Amino acid sequence: MKCSIAPKSAVENATKQNPPLPNYLAHLAITPALQQQLRQWLNEDLGRGDLSAAALVGCSGEAHWLAKQAGVFCGGSLAKTIFHCLDPNLKIQLLVNDGDAITAGQRLLEIEGAATAMVAAERTALNLAMRLSGIATATAALVNQLEGTGVRLADTRKTSPGLRILEKYACRCGGGCNHRLGLDDAAMLKENHLAWAGGIHNAITAIRANAPWPARVIVEAETAEEAKASITAGADGILLDEFSVAELQQLVPQLRSLALERGSPVLLEASGINPEQLRAYASSGIDLISSSAPCTRSSWLDLSMRFNTNKG
């Protein structure tokens, strides 16, 4: 069973001709590997056992999650899995879907059952949902800047170790698309690759000879000359790093013309830009903007769990 998040690179998925599913349809497969990871995080908090559990023996009750600020929710199915790791008999009802916009004071899920399990799993489940909801909320804010432009927002590999699949899922819930999940998803040639390989043509030729045929090759270009040479050498995508809007407005038509001459399209991506200037960059004619900001600069979304207890 394989996680269904971003099975292909952004070079294939981020085209205007093949738009993504709406963010509210973003899907995360709860695989055995993911279940094991969630159990490990739960065990990190439990240690040798919850010392407060003795005060809750025989108690049952109801609880709910409450949003303390507006944003985009992410992590409901993960929270449900975490709670069921401790007690599969807990009754859990998700009131909103991952990717839904939520308001302050809104109920997000309801839980009923043994108090010991609810209290012990509370922090792990909330921490994860707050982190992922923060990323989804920050992604949605950037995606909103691009509304109507036809330009997609992609994430990057700047993710927390161990959390990449989940943080990239949160990006999808916020309306973004996933760039490479890892080094095996697509080949991206950067400055050092090009220098050590002896140039763009040599690097691309070596990759074509060794990679599976569907693999895409992206070149990170820091100058207009590198970008043009990359298209001539057969790159599928060009990552235009730290170019100004004016530079892109002049360069993009030239790159499109070169791609037309060679007979195959190229995906043009801008990166290394100020997140507050997304709409200006979108006007240059690029296809994709990649940003690490939703993962590296976002705050956790404030959520809490409220209890109603009854002595069993």
Protein backbone atom coordinates (compact mmCIF):
# COMPACT_ATOMS: atom_id res chain seq x y z
CA MET A 1 0.00 0.00 0.00
CA LYS A 2 1.56 3.30 -1.12
CA CYS A 3 0.91 6.83 0.04
CA SER A 4 -0.87 8.71 -2.69
CA ILE A 5 0.64 12.12 -2.02
CA ALA A 6 2.41 13.63 -5.02
CA PRO A 7 3.36 10.40 -6.80
CA LYS A 8 5.02 12.44 -9.57
CA SER A 9 7.34 15.41 -9.64
CA ALA A 10 6.13 18.97 -9.89
CA VAL A 11 7.43 19.08 -13.46
CA GLU A 12 4.62 16.74 -14.46
CA ASN A 13 1.94 17.70 -11.95
CA ALA A 14 2.21 21.49 -11.94
CA THR A 15 1.17 22.18 -15.54
CA LYS A 16 -1.73 24.43 -16.35
CA GLN A 17 -3.10 21.78 -18.70
CA ASN A 18 -3.37 19.23 -15.87
CA PRO A 19 -4.53 21.15 -12.78
CA PRO A 20 -4.54 19.41 -9.38
CA LEU A 21 -7.52 18.22 -7.41
CA PRO A 22 -9.08 20.86 -5.17
CA ASN A 23 -7.29 21.09 -1.84
CA TYR A 24 -10.26 19.63 0.03
CA LEU A 25 -9.73 16.37 -1.89
CA ALA A 26 -6.08 16.05 -0.80
CA HIS A 27 -5.62 12.48 0.37
CA LEU A 28 -3.22 10.82 2.79
CA ALA A 29 -3.00 7.04 2.95
CA ILE A 30 -2.57 5.78 6.53
CA THR A 31 -0.04 3.10 5.61
CA PRO A 32 1.42 0.54 8.06
CA ALA A 33 4.67 2.53 8.00
CA LEU A 34 2.85 5.74 8.91
CA GLN A 35 0.90 3.97 11.66
CA GLN A 36 4.19 2.75 13.13
CA GLN A 37 5.61 6.27 13.02
CA LEU A 38 2.56 7.66 14.82
CA ARG A 39 2.90 4.98 17.49
CA GLN A 40 6.56 5.93 17.99
CA TRP A 41 5.64 9.58 18.50
CA LEU A 42 2.92 8.55 20.95
CA ASN A 43 5.36 6.31 22.83
CA GLU A 44 7.82 9.21 23.07
CA ASP A 45 5.28 11.02 25.24
CA LEU A 46 4.02 7.97 27.14
CA GLY A 47 7.47 6.75 28.16
CA ARG A 48 7.02 4.03 30.79
CA GLY A 49 3.35 4.96 31.17
CA ASP A 50 1.14 7.93 31.98
CA LEU A 51 1.51 8.53 35.70
CA SER A 52 -1.73 10.52 35.79
CA ALA A 53 -3.76 7.54 34.53
CA ALA A 54 -4.33 6.23 38.08
CA ALA A 55 -6.58 9.21 38.77
CA LEU A 56 -8.75 8.39 35.75
CA VAL A 57 -9.38 4.65 36.17
CA GLY A 58 -13.05 3.92 35.57
CA CYS A 59 -13.76 7.37 34.16
CA SER A 60 -15.33 7.96 30.79
CA GLY A 61 -16.46 11.09 29.09
CA GLU A 62 -16.69 13.24 26.04
CA ALA A 63 -14.28 15.74 24.54
CA HIS A 64 -14.01 17.95 21.51
CA TRP A 65 -11.37 19.90 19.64
CA LEU A 66 -11.83 23.63 19.37
CA ALA A 67 -10.16 26.05 16.96
CA LYS A 68 -8.82 29.06 18.84
CA GLN A 69 -7.98 30.92 15.64
CA ALA A 70 -9.02 30.88 12.00
CA GLY A 71 -7.06 28.96 9.42
CA VAL A 72 -7.00 25.78 7.34
CA PHE A 73 -7.34 22.49 9.22
CA CYS A 74 -5.03 19.52 8.64
CA GLY A 75 -4.47 16.34 10.63
CA GLY A 76 -7.88 14.93 11.46
CA SER A 77 -7.27 11.43 10.14
CA LEU A 78 -3.87 11.37 11.83
CA ALA A 79 -5.39 12.40 15.16
CA LYS A 80 -8.02 9.69 14.83
CA THR A 81 -5.30 7.10 14.22
CA ILE A 82 -3.28 8.28 17.22
CA PHE A 83 -6.25 8.04 19.59
CA HIS A 84 -7.15 4.59 18.27
CA CYS A 85 -3.57 3.43 18.88
CA LEU A 86 -4.36 3.64 22.60
CA ASP A 87 -8.01 2.61 22.49
CA PRO A 88 -9.71 1.39 19.30
CA ASN A 89 -13.05 1.62 21.13
CA LEU A 90 -12.97 5.41 21.30
CA LYS A 91 -15.77 6.95 19.26
CA ILE A 92 -14.36 9.76 17.12
CA GLN A 93 -16.33 11.97 14.75
CA LEU A 94 -14.49 14.35 12.45
CA LEU A 95 -16.59 17.49 12.00
CA VAL A 96 -14.37 19.06 9.33
CA ASN A 97 -12.19 17.67 6.57
CA ASP A 98 -8.49 18.25 6.08
CA GLY A 99 -8.20 21.28 3.83
CA ASP A 100 -11.34 22.97 5.19
CA ALA A 101 -11.19 26.61 6.20
CA ILE A 102 -12.06 26.95 9.89
CA THR A 103 -13.01 29.85 12.15
CA ALA A 104 -12.13 30.68 15.74
CA GLY A 105 -14.49 28.86 18.12
CA GLN A 106 -15.40 26.13 15.63
CA ARG A 107 -15.61 22.51 16.77
CA LEU A 108 -13.34 20.25 14.73
CA LEU A 109 -13.91 16.76 16.11
CA GLU A 110 -15.70 14.98 18.95
CA ILE A 111 -14.45 12.04 21.02
CA GLU A 112 -16.22 9.74 23.45
CA GLY A 113 -14.83 6.94 25.59
CA ALA A 114 -12.25 6.08 28.25
CA ALA A 115 -10.69 9.15 29.85
CA THR A 116 -7.29 7.48 30.25
CA ALA A 117 -6.84 7.07 26.48
CA MET A 118 -8.18 10.52 25.61
CA VAL A 119 -5.86 12.28 28.06
CA ALA A 120 -2.78 10.23 27.17
CA ALA A 121 -3.08 10.77 23.40
CA GLU A 122 -4.23 14.39 23.56
CA ARG A 123 -0.87 16.17 23.32
CA THR A 124 0.66 14.06 20.53
CA ALA A 125 -2.45 14.36 18.38
CA LEU A 126 -2.85 18.09 18.98
CA ASN A 127 0.84 18.87 18.41
CA LEU A 128 0.80 17.18 15.03
CA ALA A 129 -2.47 18.77 13.91
CA MET A 130 -1.40 22.22 15.08
CA ARG A 131 1.89 21.97 13.16
CA LEU A 132 0.27 20.70 9.96
CA SER A 133 -2.65 23.14 10.18
CA GLY A 134 -0.13 25.97 10.47
CA ILE A 135 1.56 24.86 7.25
CA ALA A 136 -1.77 24.44 5.46
CA THR A 137 -2.87 27.90 6.61
CA ALA A 138 0.38 29.54 5.48
CA THR A 139 0.20 27.73 2.13
CA ALA A 140 -3.37 28.87 1.57
CA ALA A 141 -2.38 32.49 2.20
CA LEU A 142 0.23 32.31 -0.56
CA VAL A 143 -2.04 30.38 -2.91
CA ASN A 144 -4.66 33.11 -2.49
CA GLN A 145 -2.15 35.65 -3.82
CA LEU A 146 -1.91 33.61 -7.04
CA GLU A 147 -5.64 33.20 -7.56
CA GLY A 148 -6.60 33.78 -11.18
CA THR A 149 -3.02 33.86 -12.47
CA GLY A 150 -2.77 30.21 -13.54
CA VAL A 151 0.55 29.92 -11.67
CA ARG A 152 0.95 27.13 -9.14
CA LEU A 153 2.64 27.26 -5.73
CA ALA A 154 4.95 24.34 -4.89
CA ASP A 155 6.74 23.35 -1.71
CA THR A 156 10.41 22.36 -1.42
CA ARG A 157 12.60 19.73 0.27
CA LYS A 158 13.12 22.09 3.23
CA THR A 159 11.01 19.96 5.55
CA SER A 160 11.45 18.62 9.08
CA PRO A 161 13.30 15.26 9.10
CA GLY A 162 10.74 12.49 9.59
CA LEU A 163 7.82 14.78 8.73
CA ARG A 164 8.30 15.29 4.99
CA ILE A 165 5.31 13.27 3.77
CA LEU A 166 3.03 14.91 6.34
CA GLU A 167 4.28 18.45 5.79
CA LYS A 168 3.93 18.04 2.05
CA TYR A 169 0.42 16.70 2.63
CA ALA A 170 -0.32 19.86 4.61
CA CYS A 171 0.87 21.91 1.64
CA ARG A 172 -1.62 20.09 -0.58
CA CYS A 173 -4.37 20.72 1.96
CA GLY A 174 -3.55 24.42 1.68
CA GLY A 175 -3.97 24.32 -2.10
CA GLY A 176 -0.31 24.00 -3.08
CA CYS A 177 1.37 21.25 -5.06
CA ASN A 178 4.30 19.07 -4.10
CA HIS A 179 7.73 19.44 -5.63
CA ARG A 180 10.14 16.52 -5.32
CA LEU A 181 9.43 14.20 -2.41
CA GLY A 182 13.09 13.23 -2.48
CA LEU A 183 16.22 12.93 -4.59
CA ASP A 184 14.75 9.88 -6.34
CA ASP A 185 11.66 11.74 -7.59
CA ALA A 186 13.31 13.94 -10.22
CA ALA A 187 16.87 15.05 -10.98
CA MET A 188 17.61 18.66 -10.14
CA LEU A 189 21.00 19.92 -11.25
CA LYS A 190 22.47 22.73 -9.20
CA GLU A 191 25.69 24.73 -9.41
CA ASN A 192 27.92 21.99 -8.00
CA HIS A 193 26.46 19.31 -10.27
CA LEU A 194 27.13 21.41 -13.34
CA ALA A 195 30.68 22.29 -12.27
CA TRP A 196 31.72 18.74 -11.39
CA ALA A 197 30.04 17.19 -14.43
CA GLY A 198 31.80 19.57 -16.80
CA GLY A 199 28.77 21.53 -17.87
CA ILE A 200 25.01 21.34 -18.43
CA HIS A 201 25.12 19.08 -21.48
CA ASN A 202 27.39 16.50 -19.81
CA ALA A 203 25.27 16.43 -16.66
CA ILE A 204 21.97 15.94 -18.50
CA THR A 205 23.45 13.30 -20.81
CA ALA A 206 24.71 11.29 -17.82
CA ILE A 207 21.31 11.41 -16.12
CA ARG A 208 19.43 10.40 -19.27
CA ALA A 209 21.71 7.39 -19.61
CA ASN A 210 21.08 6.15 -16.07
CA ALA A 211 17.65 7.29 -14.89
CA PRO A 212 14.34 5.51 -15.64
CA TRP A 213 12.71 6.90 -18.78
CA PRO A 214 9.89 8.82 -17.00
CA ALA A 215 12.37 10.75 -14.85
CA ARG A 216 12.40 14.51 -15.34
CA VAL A 217 15.51 16.68 -15.37
CA ILE A 218 15.38 20.16 -13.84
CA VAL A 219 18.25 22.64 -13.99
CA GLU A 220 18.65 25.40 -11.44
CA ALA A 221 19.80 28.41 -13.45
CA GLU A 222 21.33 31.50 -11.88
CA THR A 223 21.87 33.38 -15.15
CA ALA A 224 19.97 33.83 -18.39
CA GLU A 225 22.79 32.08 -20.26
CA GLU A 226 22.48 28.98 -18.04
CA ALA A 227 18.72 28.90 -18.54
CA LYS A 228 19.02 29.07 -22.33
CA ALA A 229 21.76 26.43 -22.41
CA SER A 230 19.62 24.14 -20.26
CA ILE A 231 16.78 24.19 -22.78
CA THR A 232 19.18 23.52 -25.65
CA ALA A 233 20.61 20.58 -23.68
CA GLY A 234 17.13 19.08 -23.22
CA ALA A 235 16.07 19.99 -19.66
CA ASP A 236 12.40 19.39 -18.84
CA GLY A 237 12.24 22.23 -16.35
CA ILE A 238 14.23 25.33 -15.47
CA LEU A 239 14.33 26.65 -11.91
CA LEU A 240 15.06 30.36 -12.24
CA ASP A 241 16.69 31.24 -8.94
CA GLU A 242 16.64 34.77 -7.51
CA PHE A 243 15.76 36.53 -10.75
CA SER A 244 13.96 39.86 -10.52
CA VAL A 245 10.49 40.35 -11.99
CA ALA A 246 11.94 42.57 -14.72
CA GLU A 247 14.55 39.97 -15.62
CA LEU A 248 11.93 37.22 -15.86
CA GLN A 249 9.61 39.34 -17.98
CA GLN A 250 12.41 39.66 -20.51
CA LEU A 251 13.76 36.11 -20.23
CA VAL A 252 10.62 33.97 -20.15
CA PRO A 253 9.53 34.71 -23.77
CA GLN A 254 13.04 33.86 -24.95
CA LEU A 255 12.96 30.52 -23.13
CA ARG A 256 9.52 29.71 -24.54
CA SER A 257 10.81 30.42 -28.03
CA LEU A 258 13.82 28.12 -27.53
CA ALA A 259 11.56 25.34 -26.26
CA LEU A 260 9.35 25.76 -29.31
CA GLU A 261 12.35 25.48 -31.60
CA ARG A 262 13.48 22.23 -29.99
CA GLY A 263 9.95 20.82 -30.26
CA SER A 264 9.12 20.09 -26.62
CA PRO A 265 7.68 22.26 -23.83
CA VAL A 266 9.58 23.38 -20.76
CA LEU A 267 8.25 24.14 -17.30
CA LEU A 268 9.56 27.41 -15.89
CA GLU A 269 9.80 27.79 -12.14
CA ALA A 270 10.80 30.79 -10.04
CA SER A 271 12.35 30.43 -6.59
CA GLY A 272 14.29 32.45 -4.07
CA ILE A 273 11.74 35.26 -4.11
CA ASN A 274 9.94 37.32 -1.49
CA PRO A 275 6.64 35.56 -0.62
CA GLU A 276 4.95 38.98 -0.54
CA GLN A 277 5.69 39.48 -4.25
CA LEU A 278 4.13 36.32 -5.65
CA ARG A 279 1.57 38.05 -7.83
CA ALA A 280 4.19 40.27 -9.43
CA TYR A 281 6.30 37.23 -10.30
CA ALA A 282 3.27 35.40 -11.64
CA SER A 283 2.81 38.19 -14.19
CA SER A 284 6.13 37.26 -15.83
CA GLY A 285 4.66 34.20 -17.56
CA ILE A 286 6.22 31.46 -15.43
CA ASP A 287 4.38 28.22 -14.62
CA LEU A 288 5.37 27.57 -11.02
CA ILE A 289 6.65 29.33 -7.92
CA SER A 290 8.37 27.25 -5.26
CA SER A 291 8.67 28.43 -1.68
CA SER A 292 9.84 26.89 1.58
CA ALA A 293 8.09 29.62 3.58
CA PRO A 294 4.96 27.63 4.56
CA CYS A 295 7.18 25.03 6.25
CA THR A 296 10.05 27.17 7.50
CA ARG A 297 8.22 30.33 8.54
CA SER A 298 4.73 29.23 9.58
CA SER A 299 3.40 29.25 13.14
CA TRP A 300 1.36 26.45 14.66
CA LEU A 301 -2.39 26.98 14.43
CA ASP A 302 -3.83 27.23 17.95
CA LEU A 303 -6.17 24.31 18.70
CA SER A 304 -7.31 22.91 22.03
CA MET A 305 -9.16 19.94 23.50
CA ARG A 306 -12.04 20.47 25.94
CA PHE A 307 -13.41 17.73 28.20
CA ASN A 308 -16.77 16.82 29.73
CA THR A 309 -16.31 13.97 32.22
CA ASN A 310 -18.73 11.51 33.79
CA LYS A 311 -17.87 8.98 36.49
CA GLY A 312 -18.32 5.48 35.02
